Amino acid sequence: MSDTTKSDARTDVVLVGAGIMSATLGALLRLVEPTWSITLVERLDAAAAESSDPWNNAGTGHSALCELNYTPQKPDGTIDIAKAITVNEQFQVTRQFWAYAVENGILTDVRSFVNQVPHVSFVHGAANIDYLRRRHDTLVRNPLFASMEFIDDRDEFARRLPLMAAGRDFSDPVGLNWTEQGTDVDFGSLSRQLLAFGTERGMETMFGHEVRDLDQESDGSWTVKVTNRRTREKSILRSKFVFVGAGGGALPLLQKAGIKEAKGFGGFPVSGEWLRTSKPELTGAHHAKVYGLPPMGAPPMSMPHLDTRVITGKDWLLFGPFAGWSPKFLKAGKVTDLPLSVKPNNLLSMIGVGLTELPLLKYLIGELLLSQEARVGTLRAFAPTAKSKDWELDIAGQRVQVIRRDAKKLGVLEFGTTVLAAADGSIAGLLGASPGASTAVPAMLDVLQRCFPDEYRGWEPKIKEMVPSLGSKLSDEPRLFAEVWEHGTKALGLDSRASGEPAPAGVL
């Protein structure tokens, strides 16, 4: 990808950040409006080097198959699966676009970005197993989750998860919800392939450049002030539309833009740490993404999980996340990011979170004090025979959790993703973290619909070609779901079994 500097240039679209969101939006725009000029600005010297980098995220194709925080238990004992359905529906849209992109030469190296890995929920103890059984029984009535299995037999557990069974005391009963058709995703490889598609078709790229300010002109267009981080040379981009897909750096830029939709929003940075290993005797004994219940007082994003990862063709196991903390909004950010994000319009929001999230603060302090042996001790709840010498600590990416005002004008933490768009549609940005990357396509389609309402109507036939289920709820249309699932499975070269068929016992 070429580096370009211009003292004063005009472009139809500016994309800020070279991660999965900008990469997805750039590819979509190139497909629906091939004549538009697009310029991408990235402060680092590489694409997808922050949250989209495979070492900086869980790599789970988040479809609510294994994440227990998406299926809370109500006071009456029933299981609320509304959030799980929403997240899964969103991932199905993303998956359909990936299939289209593979078939049309946009994504050229499938195995480098998506591989089939079972998604598994894991609990122990009689009460939790009872919850997991009811969760399974509720979910399987929905076509999107029909292939999920409930397992509470110790021999079957040991056959499917030998690393987790070794040395385990089965007097404490265990239970699994197992879905064979889960995925592991390298969002870094995916982003780079989408960006390559854009640049091959004329998108300008400015790596090593940082957006320092954004000003809206009287005609509604934007003046984007950019600095070359190597030479300090300043340049200006004048654009009709700006998308801020800068991960944790999105909030400060939207604040600088001065749009009223960003007022009251704040951000709380949380970093992550993983234990990882590539020892063949360990990676060969575990092939699944296994999610457990979060510790008491921990945020939903801290659900412990033992994951199979495929990164640059090599198998790894990651366990975590363990929370770290830094005032930086990006891994390569500045310690002033958090204090400078506090504005008069979001001060109450920030104070409100400080008053109401004391359990989170206590949890973070406890995590920061953990030793290597203590972390491995946590891992032993999943892999009882784990040894410290086999695992190394890796620092993951920064996540900036969204803080928004509640009805009392105080702040509450949100653990999802939020698309902010100006009323005139001239600028938009994405805030938040999980499920984030997995829902990039529906999120960016939302941006297109909100920011280009007139053009969107003309784009719909093309988008429908990319996402055949567009406008439909697959939960309510099992035949359509089976159709798009089978098509996507073949296009992505994954397991050819239909989603609704149970996996054969013991398949790893």
Foldseek 3Di string as FASTA:
>chain_A
DDADDDFEAEFAEEEEALFLQSLLLLLLCCLLPVPGEYEYEYQAQDHRPFCLALQFDPQWLDQLQAQCVCWDADPVRATDNPSSLVSNLLLLQVLLLVLVCLVVVLQPDLVQFKAFFKAKEKDWADVVLVSVVNVLVVVCVFLSNVQKDKDFDLVLVCLAQVLQSVPDDCVTTMMMTIARGIMGGNRRSVSVSSVVSSVVSRHHYHYSKDFDAWEADPVRWIWTWIARNVPRDIHIYIYQAYEYAHALVRLVHVVRHVFPLSFQKAWFKKWWKKKKFQPCVNLVNHGHWYWYDAPPLEDSVFTWIWHWHQHPNGTMIITTTQIEDACASKPPGDSCNRVVSDDPRRVQQVVLCVVPSVSHVVSRVVSHPDDLVNVVVVVCNRRVVDDSVRIDMDIHIMHIWMWHQDPVSYTDTDADKDKGAHQQLRYIYMHHPPPPSSSSNVSSVVSCCRNPVPSVVVSVVVSCVSRVCVPHSCSVPVVVVQVSQQSSCVSSVHDNDGSNHHDPRSDD
